[in-house]
Amino acid sequence: MNNKCSTILTTILQPLLAMVLMASEPATLYFINGDILSGEIQRLEGDQFYFKSPMLREETTFNRDMLLDLKLTEEQLEAKPVNHTATITLEDRFGQKSERDQLQGQLVGINDDFLELATDYAGTLKIDRSLIYAIDISTDNYLLYSGPNSLEEWQVLGDPNSWSYSNNSLITGSGNSSLAKEFDTPSRSQLSFTIDRKENIDLALLLYADSSEPERPRNYYELSLNANYLNMRKYLEKGSSRPLNRGTPNVRAKLGERIRCDIYSDTRSGAFHIYIDGKNYANFSDLTPSPELMGKSLHLRSRRDYEMRIQNIKLFKWNGSLPQKLGTEEESELQKKNQLLLANGDALVGDLGKTHQDNIELTTEYTSYNVPLARVRSIQLAAKDENHPRADKYDLKAYFKSGGWIILDPILLTPSTLVGNHEAIGDITFDLNAFSHIEFNVYDKQLNKLRDEKW
């Protein structure tokens, strides 16, 4: 954008642009210099972005070096009933640690080289196996909640500005603030989530709280999670609290900047098993459980001003079986093989094949199975040589409305489609309605600070 055009936008059109934003134009452009312009996408071709706004007389061309973000319509794709949802997480790019693309769809099949995924937004994708980081399966049989989907579905307790929501994540703000939500939580459950931190982690989870409204419910279990320690207490309506018995040594956590936490709970037996990044980190037991006093609410409490991002929250039914504990040698051997990790904690090892009638083929050393995908929690693929997608200067980062994102080398953007290239898939044509917004210049750390998300 030349200086003359920029001056017009900033000094004359800003009030009108605000009116245009309120009129819900199909798209809104955010520029590096702070300008905002709403209107209609014409196309992105090469280095040029063609845009038409009612505030300007004719189609205008912008160099994409000047663009920060493109906000898209909130219109949702029509959801089709499915038996399962497979979430495919791809390897991160060099220099972009833990920033991984995700694709969702239905699993079609897996062989030594490719995984096939049927999607509503881009047809059936053929994904290079060497660039797959993880495969997770969700079904209504076991999955009770998957989110977060908005800030509105949670109750903010205390300062209403203490938490924010961006890109399917809950982001903490000021200290001593809480979010709460009531679930249909069974006495046996598995709660999974991921935390990113910038400084430290200081998060308390109030499990099985008897209410989602007051900041201090009467009855609940409190798990305190810090980068240096982990402990658990039980609070009762009589005002008493006591620590739970810990069955593992109280070692320092030494948690990374991004961790996955899995909490396996059984209020009837009083058993709680905490897994960090897939490894059993701590076990707690309530020697005098009182399940009749407990409720079904979850509270997330930030106790300091540490900025944390909480995402990929999932609540499952749990049958009481824990993931298999393997020795170092066994684990090393299993990494060389494909594994189906089942919802009941069991694991099957063998060669994977096609899916049919919602089953996936698995051939083991002794026999073959048709395993219902509804009973699969995740698939661990045999380890291959390390491989990562390349990062190109003009890559775009497109955020799915259903969660996650994909980074693409763009070929063409039209009012209805985004065509791009990904090293794991090749050239892909996406329905543009699958995305909530698109970021430009995604590897520029200074520009990332200008984006309107806190993280």
Protein backbone atom coordinates (compact mmCIF):
# COMPACT_ATOMS: atom_id res chain seq x y z
CA MET A 1 0.00 0.00 0.00
CA ASN A 2 1.55 3.39 -1.00
CA ASN A 3 1.82 6.28 1.47
CA LYS A 4 -0.96 8.26 -0.17
CA CYS A 5 -3.44 5.39 0.13
CA SER A 6 -2.36 4.75 3.70
CA THR A 7 -2.94 8.39 4.64
CA ILE A 8 -6.44 8.31 3.17
CA LEU A 9 -7.33 5.16 5.11
CA THR A 10 -6.03 6.41 8.44
CA THR A 11 -7.24 10.04 8.36
CA ILE A 12 -10.51 9.98 6.42
CA LEU A 13 -11.95 6.49 6.22
CA GLN A 14 -11.45 5.06 9.73
CA PRO A 15 -14.95 6.06 11.00
CA LEU A 16 -16.51 4.68 7.84
CA LEU A 17 -14.46 1.50 8.12
CA ALA A 18 -15.85 0.91 11.59
CA MET A 19 -19.37 1.13 10.12
CA VAL A 20 -18.37 -1.35 7.43
CA LEU A 21 -17.11 -3.77 10.08
CA MET A 22 -20.49 -3.59 11.80
CA ALA A 23 -22.20 -4.38 8.51
CA SER A 24 -20.60 -7.86 8.55
CA GLU A 25 -18.77 -7.77 5.25
CA PRO A 26 -17.58 -11.18 4.03
CA ALA A 27 -13.94 -10.48 4.94
CA THR A 28 -11.78 -8.01 6.85
CA LEU A 29 -8.15 -7.19 6.05
CA TYR A 30 -5.73 -6.12 8.79
CA PHE A 31 -2.59 -4.32 7.61
CA ILE A 32 0.84 -4.13 9.21
CA ASN A 33 0.52 -0.35 9.62
CA GLY A 34 -2.72 -0.72 11.61
CA ASP A 35 -5.22 -0.05 8.82
CA ILE A 36 -8.41 -2.14 8.66
CA LEU A 37 -10.48 -2.63 5.54
CA SER A 38 -13.61 -4.75 5.10
CA GLY A 39 -15.03 -5.99 1.84
CA GLU A 40 -14.90 -8.91 -0.56
CA ILE A 41 -11.99 -11.16 -1.53
CA GLN A 42 -11.29 -11.13 -5.24
CA ARG A 43 -8.17 -13.30 -5.35
CA LEU A 44 -4.63 -13.79 -4.09
CA GLU A 45 -2.26 -14.55 -6.92
CA GLY A 46 1.50 -14.45 -6.61
CA ASP A 47 2.48 -11.48 -4.44
CA GLN A 48 -0.70 -9.55 -5.17
CA PHE A 49 -3.93 -9.57 -3.15
CA TYR A 50 -7.00 -8.23 -4.99
CA PHE A 51 -9.75 -6.84 -2.76
CA LYS A 52 -12.98 -4.92 -3.30
CA SER A 53 -14.42 -2.64 -0.63
CA PRO A 54 -17.57 -0.46 -0.70
CA MET A 55 -15.38 2.28 0.80
CA LEU A 56 -13.20 2.35 -2.33
CA ARG A 57 -14.42 3.02 -5.84
CA GLU A 58 -12.81 0.05 -7.52
CA GLU A 59 -10.95 -3.17 -6.95
CA THR A 60 -7.71 -2.48 -5.10
CA THR A 61 -4.45 -4.39 -5.23
CA PHE A 62 -2.20 -4.82 -2.20
CA ASN A 63 1.22 -6.41 -1.91
CA ARG A 64 0.93 -9.28 0.57
CA ASP A 65 4.07 -8.02 2.38
CA MET A 66 1.75 -5.32 3.77
CA LEU A 67 -0.87 -7.77 5.12
CA LEU A 68 -1.15 -9.08 8.66
CA ASP A 69 -4.45 -10.99 8.90
CA LEU A 70 -7.56 -11.82 6.93
CA LYS A 71 -10.71 -12.43 8.99
CA LEU A 72 -13.31 -14.58 7.21
CA THR A 73 -17.04 -15.13 7.49
CA GLU A 74 -18.41 -16.97 10.55
CA GLU A 75 -20.56 -19.20 8.34
CA GLN A 76 -20.08 -22.86 9.30
CA LEU A 77 -19.68 -25.85 7.01
CA GLU A 78 -22.55 -28.30 7.21
CA ALA A 79 -21.61 -31.00 9.72
CA LYS A 80 -22.21 -34.58 8.57
CA PRO A 81 -22.86 -37.42 11.04
CA VAL A 82 -19.72 -39.52 11.52
CA ASN A 83 -18.80 -42.63 13.46
CA HIS A 84 -15.43 -41.24 14.51
CA THR A 85 -13.21 -38.19 14.12
CA ALA A 86 -9.52 -38.67 13.44
CA THR A 87 -7.20 -35.78 14.34
CA ILE A 88 -3.93 -35.95 12.40
CA THR A 89 -1.14 -33.85 13.91
CA LEU A 90 1.77 -33.17 11.55
CA GLU A 91 5.42 -32.65 12.41
CA ASP A 92 6.53 -29.12 13.24
CA ARG A 93 8.77 -27.08 10.97
CA PHE A 94 12.43 -26.51 11.73
CA GLY A 95 12.65 -23.49 14.02
CA GLN A 96 8.93 -23.69 14.91
CA LYS A 97 9.08 -26.08 17.87
CA SER A 98 5.72 -27.57 18.94
CA GLU A 99 3.81 -25.49 16.34
CA ARG A 100 2.10 -28.36 14.56
CA ASP A 101 -0.57 -28.41 11.86
CA GLN A 102 -3.72 -30.46 12.49
CA LEU A 103 -6.27 -31.99 10.13
CA GLN A 104 -9.58 -33.60 11.12
CA GLY A 105 -11.66 -36.12 9.21
CA GLN A 106 -12.44 -39.81 8.96
CA LEU A 107 -9.66 -42.35 8.69
CA VAL A 108 -9.76 -44.25 5.38
CA GLY A 109 -6.61 -46.36 5.64
CA ILE A 110 -2.90 -46.51 6.44
CA ASN A 111 0.00 -48.19 4.65
CA ASP A 112 3.78 -47.98 4.95
CA ASP A 113 3.92 -44.68 3.07
CA PHE A 114 0.61 -42.82 3.36
CA LEU A 115 -2.45 -42.22 5.50
CA GLU A 116 -5.77 -41.43 3.79
CA LEU A 117 -8.17 -39.01 5.50
CA ALA A 118 -11.68 -38.17 4.24
CA THR A 119 -12.62 -34.55 5.02
CA ASP A 120 -15.63 -32.29 4.49
CA TYR A 121 -13.44 -29.34 3.50
CA ALA A 122 -10.90 -30.79 1.03
CA GLY A 123 -12.09 -34.24 -0.06
CA THR A 124 -9.86 -37.25 0.65
CA LEU A 125 -6.29 -36.33 1.53
CA LYS A 126 -3.27 -38.58 1.07
CA ILE A 127 -0.79 -37.69 3.83
CA ASP A 128 2.91 -38.64 3.88
CA ARG A 129 3.37 -40.92 6.90
CA SER A 130 6.88 -39.67 7.61
CA LEU A 131 5.45 -36.21 8.37
CA ILE A 132 2.75 -37.41 10.82
CA TYR A 133 3.42 -36.67 14.48
CA ALA A 134 0.29 -38.17 16.09
CA ILE A 135 -3.12 -39.72 15.30
CA ASP A 136 -5.97 -39.36 17.81
CA ILE A 137 -9.44 -40.86 17.46
CA SER A 138 -12.57 -39.41 19.10
CA THR A 139 -16.00 -41.03 19.27
CA ASP A 140 -19.24 -40.30 21.09
CA ASN A 141 -18.92 -43.69 22.83
CA TYR A 142 -16.20 -42.39 25.13
CA LEU A 143 -15.77 -38.68 24.43
CA LEU A 144 -17.95 -36.45 26.65
CA TYR A 145 -16.47 -33.04 25.79
CA SER A 146 -14.00 -31.57 23.32
CA GLY A 147 -13.00 -27.93 23.36
CA PRO A 148 -12.73 -25.19 24.33
CA ASN A 149 -15.17 -23.87 21.74
CA SER A 150 -15.77 -20.36 23.15
CA LEU A 151 -15.36 -18.34 26.32
CA GLU A 152 -19.15 -18.12 26.63
CA GLU A 153 -19.50 -21.85 27.34
CA TRP A 154 -17.47 -21.29 30.54
CA GLN A 155 -18.35 -19.21 33.58
CA VAL A 156 -15.79 -16.53 34.40
CA LEU A 157 -15.54 -16.21 38.18
CA GLY A 158 -14.08 -12.95 39.44
CA ASP A 159 -12.66 -10.35 37.05
CA PRO A 160 -14.57 -10.75 33.73
CA ASN A 161 -11.44 -9.68 31.83
CA SER A 162 -9.18 -12.20 33.55
CA TRP A 163 -9.48 -14.86 30.84
CA SER A 164 -9.68 -14.62 27.07
CA TYR A 165 -10.33 -17.00 24.19
CA SER A 166 -8.40 -17.19 20.93
CA ASN A 167 -7.86 -19.91 18.33
CA ASN A 168 -9.64 -22.64 20.31
CA SER A 169 -7.60 -21.85 23.42
CA LEU A 170 -8.31 -20.42 26.88
CA ILE A 171 -5.70 -17.83 27.83
CA THR A 172 -5.10 -16.77 31.42
CA GLY A 173 -4.90 -13.16 32.50
CA SER A 174 -4.74 -11.63 35.96
CA GLY A 175 -3.93 -13.79 38.98
CA ASN A 176 -6.46 -15.53 41.23
CA SER A 177 -9.10 -15.84 38.54
CA SER A 178 -11.21 -18.86 37.60
CA LEU A 179 -13.23 -20.43 34.84
CA ALA A 180 -15.81 -23.13 35.58
CA LYS A 181 -18.01 -25.50 33.63
CA GLU A 182 -20.37 -28.30 34.59
CA PHE A 183 -20.04 -31.57 32.69
CA ASP A 184 -21.87 -34.87 32.72
CA THR A 185 -18.85 -36.29 34.54
CA PRO A 186 -18.99 -39.98 35.54
CA SER A 187 -17.30 -41.23 38.70
CA ARG A 188 -14.55 -42.63 36.48
CA SER A 189 -13.19 -40.18 33.96
CA GLN A 190 -10.12 -39.10 32.03
CA LEU A 191 -9.46 -35.38 31.61
CA SER A 192 -6.85 -34.40 29.01
CA PHE A 193 -5.51 -30.96 28.10
CA THR A 194 -2.42 -29.18 26.83
CA ILE A 195 -0.72 -26.20 28.49
CA ASP A 196 1.66 -23.74 26.84
CA ARG A 197 3.51 -21.36 29.12
CA LYS A 198 5.64 -18.27 28.62
CA GLU A 199 7.12 -18.10 32.11
CA ASN A 200 5.86 -20.62 34.62
CA ILE A 201 2.83 -22.82 35.21
CA ASP A 202 0.70 -22.10 38.26
CA LEU A 203 -2.68 -23.67 37.63
CA ALA A 204 -5.15 -25.23 40.04
CA LEU A 205 -7.81 -27.63 38.80
CA LEU A 206 -10.87 -28.10 40.98
CA LEU A 207 -12.07 -31.59 40.06
CA TYR A 208 -15.56 -32.92 40.80
CA ALA A 209 -16.62 -29.59 42.33
CA ASP A 210 -20.22 -29.57 43.59
CA SER A 211 -20.97 -26.24 41.85
CA SER A 212 -19.73 -24.18 38.91
CA GLU A 213 -20.86 -20.83 40.33
CA PRO A 214 -18.90 -19.76 43.43
CA GLU A 215 -15.13 -19.44 43.20
CA ARG A 216 -14.94 -21.64 46.29
CA PRO A 217 -17.43 -24.51 46.01
CA ARG A 218 -18.12 -26.57 49.12
CA ASN A 219 -16.71 -29.93 48.02
CA TYR A 220 -13.98 -30.66 45.51
CA TYR A 221 -10.53 -32.09 44.87
CA GLU A 222 -7.81 -29.57 44.04
CA LEU A 223 -4.84 -30.50 41.87
CA SER A 224 -2.10 -27.85 41.93
CA LEU A 225 0.13 -27.92 38.87
CA ASN A 226 3.34 -25.91 38.86
CA ALA A 227 6.50 -26.23 36.79
CA ASN A 228 8.28 -27.25 40.00
CA TYR A 229 5.75 -29.37 41.89
CA LEU A 230 2.47 -31.28 41.81
CA ASN A 231 0.17 -31.87 44.77
CA MET A 232 -3.45 -32.67 45.54
CA ARG A 233 -5.88 -31.87 48.38
CA LYS A 234 -9.49 -32.63 49.23
CA TYR A 235 -11.84 -29.87 50.42
CA LEU A 236 -15.12 -30.55 52.23
CA GLU A 237 -18.09 -28.37 53.15
CA LYS A 238 -17.13 -28.43 56.83
CA GLY A 239 -14.26 -26.14 55.92
CA SER A 240 -11.66 -28.84 56.31
CA SER A 241 -8.99 -29.77 53.82
CA ARG A 242 -6.27 -32.36 53.81
CA PRO A 243 -3.61 -33.56 51.39
CA LEU A 244 -4.20 -36.79 49.53
CA ASN A 245 -1.83 -39.67 50.07
CA ARG A 246 0.86 -39.66 47.41
CA GLY A 247 1.98 -43.03 46.15
CA THR A 248 4.97 -41.73 44.19
CA PRO A 249 8.03 -39.75 45.30
CA ASN A 250 7.59 -35.97 45.42
CA VAL A 251 10.08 -35.14 42.68
CA ARG A 252 10.48 -31.79 40.98
CA ALA A 253 8.37 -31.49 37.88
CA LYS A 254 10.83 -29.90 35.45
CA LEU A 255 8.00 -29.36 33.00
CA GLY A 256 8.63 -28.08 29.50
CA GLU A 257 7.17 -25.02 27.79
CA ARG A 258 4.37 -27.18 26.39
CA ILE A 259 2.99 -30.21 28.20
CA ARG A 260 0.10 -32.61 27.83
CA CYS A 261 -1.63 -33.62 31.03
CA ASP A 262 -3.93 -36.64 31.48
CA ILE A 263 -5.83 -37.08 34.76
CA TYR A 264 -7.42 -40.49 35.39
CA SER A 265 -9.93 -40.18 38.26
CA ASP A 266 -12.12 -42.57 40.22
CA THR A 267 -14.11 -40.88 43.00
CA ARG A 268 -15.51 -44.17 44.28
CA SER A 269 -12.10 -45.60 45.08
CA GLY A 270 -10.47 -42.22 45.65
CA ALA A 271 -7.71 -42.94 43.09
CA PHE A 272 -6.13 -40.24 40.88
CA HIS A 273 -3.37 -40.92 38.35
CA ILE A 274 -1.56 -37.98 36.72
CA TYR A 275 0.26 -38.49 33.43
CA ILE A 276 2.55 -35.82 31.98
CA ASP A 277 3.46 -36.19 28.30
CA GLY A 278 2.32 -39.82 28.37
CA LYS A 279 4.31 -40.87 31.44
CA ASN A 280 2.87 -41.63 34.89
CA TYR A 281 4.08 -38.70 36.95
CA ALA A 282 2.08 -38.97 40.19
CA ASN A 283 -0.56 -41.14 41.88
CA PHE A 284 -2.78 -39.82 44.67
CA SER A 285 -5.30 -41.66 46.83
CA ASP A 286 -8.15 -40.48 49.06
CA LEU A 287 -8.19 -42.99 51.90
CA THR A 288 -11.75 -41.98 52.91
CA PRO A 289 -13.53 -41.19 49.61
CA SER A 290 -16.94 -39.52 49.76
CA PRO A 291 -18.31 -39.63 46.20
CA GLU A 292 -21.82 -38.69 47.41
CA LEU A 293 -20.55 -35.19 48.29
CA MET A 294 -18.81 -34.54 45.00
CA GLY A 295 -20.30 -32.86 41.94
CA LYS A 296 -19.62 -32.70 38.19
CA SER A 297 -18.00 -29.29 37.69
CA LEU A 298 -14.46 -28.40 36.66
CA HIS A 299 -12.76 -25.15 37.70
CA LEU A 300 -9.57 -23.81 36.13
CA ARG A 301 -7.86 -21.31 38.42
CA SER A 302 -4.88 -19.14 37.51
CA ARG A 303 -3.25 -18.08 40.76
CA ARG A 304 -0.64 -15.63 39.48
CA ASP A 305 -0.10 -13.38 36.51
CA TYR A 306 1.65 -16.10 34.51
CA GLU A 307 0.33 -16.23 30.98
CA MET A 308 -0.74 -19.74 30.01
CA ARG A 309 -2.64 -21.14 27.05
CA ILE A 310 -4.91 -24.15 27.71
CA GLN A 311 -6.22 -26.09 24.73
CA ASN A 312 -7.22 -29.54 23.48
CA ILE A 313 -9.42 -30.10 26.53
CA LYS A 314 -11.11 -33.49 26.32
CA LEU A 315 -13.20 -35.39 28.85
CA PHE A 316 -13.62 -39.15 28.39
CA LYS A 317 -15.39 -41.97 30.13
CA TRP A 318 -12.76 -44.23 31.73
CA ASN A 319 -13.07 -47.97 32.42
CA GLY A 320 -10.38 -48.06 35.11
CA SER A 321 -7.51 -49.46 33.01
CA LEU A 322 -4.34 -47.36 32.84
CA PRO A 323 -1.97 -47.16 29.87
CA GLN A 324 0.51 -49.99 29.82
CA LYS A 325 3.76 -49.34 31.68
CA LEU A 326 6.76 -50.41 29.65
CA GLY A 327 10.44 -50.67 30.45
CA THR A 328 12.97 -48.64 28.45
CA GLU A 329 13.95 -51.63 26.29
CA GLU A 330 10.32 -52.61 25.63
CA GLU A 331 9.40 -49.03 24.80
CA SER A 332 12.30 -48.77 22.38
CA GLU A 333 11.17 -51.95 20.60
CA LEU A 334 7.55 -50.81 20.42
CA GLN A 335 8.58 -47.55 18.78
CA LYS A 336 9.62 -49.64 15.80
CA LYS A 337 6.07 -51.01 15.41
CA ASN A 338 2.54 -49.72 14.76
CA GLN A 339 0.28 -49.66 17.81
CA LEU A 340 -3.45 -49.27 18.28
CA LEU A 341 -4.09 -47.82 21.73
CA LEU A 342 -7.61 -48.78 22.77
CA ALA A 343 -10.08 -46.91 24.93
CA ASN A 344 -9.79 -49.50 27.72
CA GLY A 345 -6.02 -49.04 27.98
CA ASP A 346 -5.04 -52.11 25.95
CA ALA A 347 -2.61 -51.93 23.02
CA LEU A 348 -2.42 -54.01 19.83
CA VAL A 349 0.76 -54.16 17.75
CA GLY A 350 0.97 -55.01 14.03
CA ASP A 351 0.58 -53.84 10.45
CA LEU A 352 -2.27 -51.42 9.73
CA GLY A 353 -4.50 -51.60 6.68
CA LYS A 354 -7.70 -50.15 5.24
CA THR A 355 -10.79 -49.13 7.15
CA HIS A 356 -14.17 -50.55 6.19
CA GLN A 357 -17.55 -50.46 7.94
CA ASP A 358 -15.93 -48.29 10.64
CA ASN A 359 -13.28 -50.94 11.42
CA ILE A 360 -9.53 -50.81 10.81
CA GLU A 361 -7.50 -53.84 9.76
CA LEU A 362 -4.62 -54.90 12.00
CA THR A 363 -2.39 -57.87 11.25
CA THR A 364 -0.34 -59.07 14.20
CA GLU A 365 2.36 -61.74 14.43
CA TYR A 366 -0.32 -64.34 15.21
CA THR A 367 -3.62 -63.26 13.64
CA SER A 368 -5.60 -60.47 11.99
CA TYR A 369 -8.25 -58.21 13.53
CA ASN A 370 -10.93 -55.85 12.36
CA VAL A 371 -10.83 -53.33 15.20
CA PRO A 372 -13.80 -50.94 15.57
CA LEU A 373 -12.52 -47.37 15.34
CA ALA A 374 -15.05 -46.47 18.03
CA ARG A 375 -12.83 -48.40 20.47
CA VAL A 376 -9.54 -46.80 19.37
CA ARG A 377 -8.16 -43.79 21.25
CA SER A 378 -4.97 -43.19 19.29
CA ILE A 379 -2.62 -44.76 16.77
CA GLN A 380 1.14 -44.70 17.22
CA LEU A 381 3.00 -45.25 13.99
CA ALA A 382 6.32 -47.05 13.75
CA ALA A 383 9.19 -44.60 14.10
CA LYS A 384 10.83 -43.43 10.88
CA ASP A 385 13.75 -41.15 10.13
CA GLU A 386 13.10 -37.64 11.41
CA ASN A 387 11.35 -35.49 8.83
CA HIS A 388 9.82 -32.01 8.93
CA PRO A 389 7.89 -29.87 6.44
CA ARG A 390 9.83 -27.00 4.95
CA ALA A 391 9.04 -23.39 5.81
CA ASP A 392 8.66 -20.96 2.89
CA LYS A 393 8.81 -17.18 3.26
CA TYR A 394 5.29 -16.55 1.98
CA ASP A 395 3.52 -19.36 3.82
CA LEU A 396 0.01 -18.66 5.12
CA LYS A 397 -1.38 -19.95 8.41
CA ALA A 398 -5.06 -20.84 8.00
CA TYR A 399 -7.08 -21.52 11.17
CA PHE A 400 -9.88 -24.11 11.03
CA LYS A 401 -13.19 -23.19 12.65
CA SER A 402 -13.23 -26.68 14.15
CA GLY A 403 -9.83 -26.14 15.81
CA GLY A 404 -6.20 -26.30 14.77
CA TRP A 405 -4.52 -24.79 11.74
CA ILE A 406 -2.54 -25.65 8.63
CA ILE A 407 0.40 -23.72 7.15
CA LEU A 408 0.42 -23.65 3.36
CA ASP A 409 2.47 -22.26 0.51
CA PRO A 410 -0.43 -20.49 -1.27
CA ILE A 411 -1.14 -21.00 -4.94
CA LEU A 412 -4.49 -19.24 -5.30
CA LEU A 413 -7.11 -17.70 -3.01
CA THR A 414 -10.62 -17.01 -4.33
CA PRO A 415 -13.88 -15.98 -2.60
CA SER A 416 -14.73 -19.67 -2.08
CA THR A 417 -11.48 -21.66 -2.07
CA LEU A 418 -7.90 -21.68 -0.85
CA VAL A 419 -5.45 -23.62 -2.99
CA GLY A 420 -2.04 -24.30 -1.48
CA ASN A 421 0.81 -26.75 -1.20
CA HIS A 422 1.86 -28.70 1.88
CA GLU A 423 4.87 -30.97 1.78
CA ALA A 424 2.96 -33.77 3.53
CA ILE A 425 0.01 -33.71 1.11
CA GLY A 426 0.93 -31.88 -2.09
CA ASP A 427 -1.44 -29.40 -3.73
CA ILE A 428 -4.78 -29.10 -1.89
CA THR A 429 -7.99 -27.17 -2.57
CA PHE A 430 -9.86 -26.18 0.61
CA ASP A 431 -13.37 -24.84 1.02
CA LEU A 432 -12.69 -21.34 2.39
CA ASN A 433 -15.62 -21.66 4.81
CA ALA A 434 -13.55 -24.19 6.76
CA PHE A 435 -11.36 -21.34 8.07
CA SER A 436 -12.00 -18.56 10.57
CA HIS A 437 -9.00 -16.44 9.58
CA ILE A 438 -5.69 -16.49 7.74
CA GLU A 439 -2.38 -15.00 8.86
CA PHE A 440 0.28 -13.58 6.52
CA ASN A 441 4.04 -13.29 7.19
CA VAL A 442 3.75 -16.05 9.79
CA TYR A 443 7.47 -16.44 10.54
CA ASP A 444 8.07 -12.76 11.38
CA LYS A 445 8.24 -12.65 15.20
CA GLN A 446 7.87 -8.87 15.31
CA LEU A 447 4.68 -8.99 13.26
CA ASN A 448 3.25 -11.77 15.41
CA LYS A 449 3.25 -9.30 18.31
CA LEU A 450 0.89 -7.05 16.32
CA ARG A 451 -1.78 -9.68 15.89
CA ASP A 452 -4.89 -9.22 17.96
CA GLU A 453 -4.49 -12.51 19.83
CA LYS A 454 -2.63 -12.37 23.14
CA TRP A 455 -0.55 -15.46 22.52
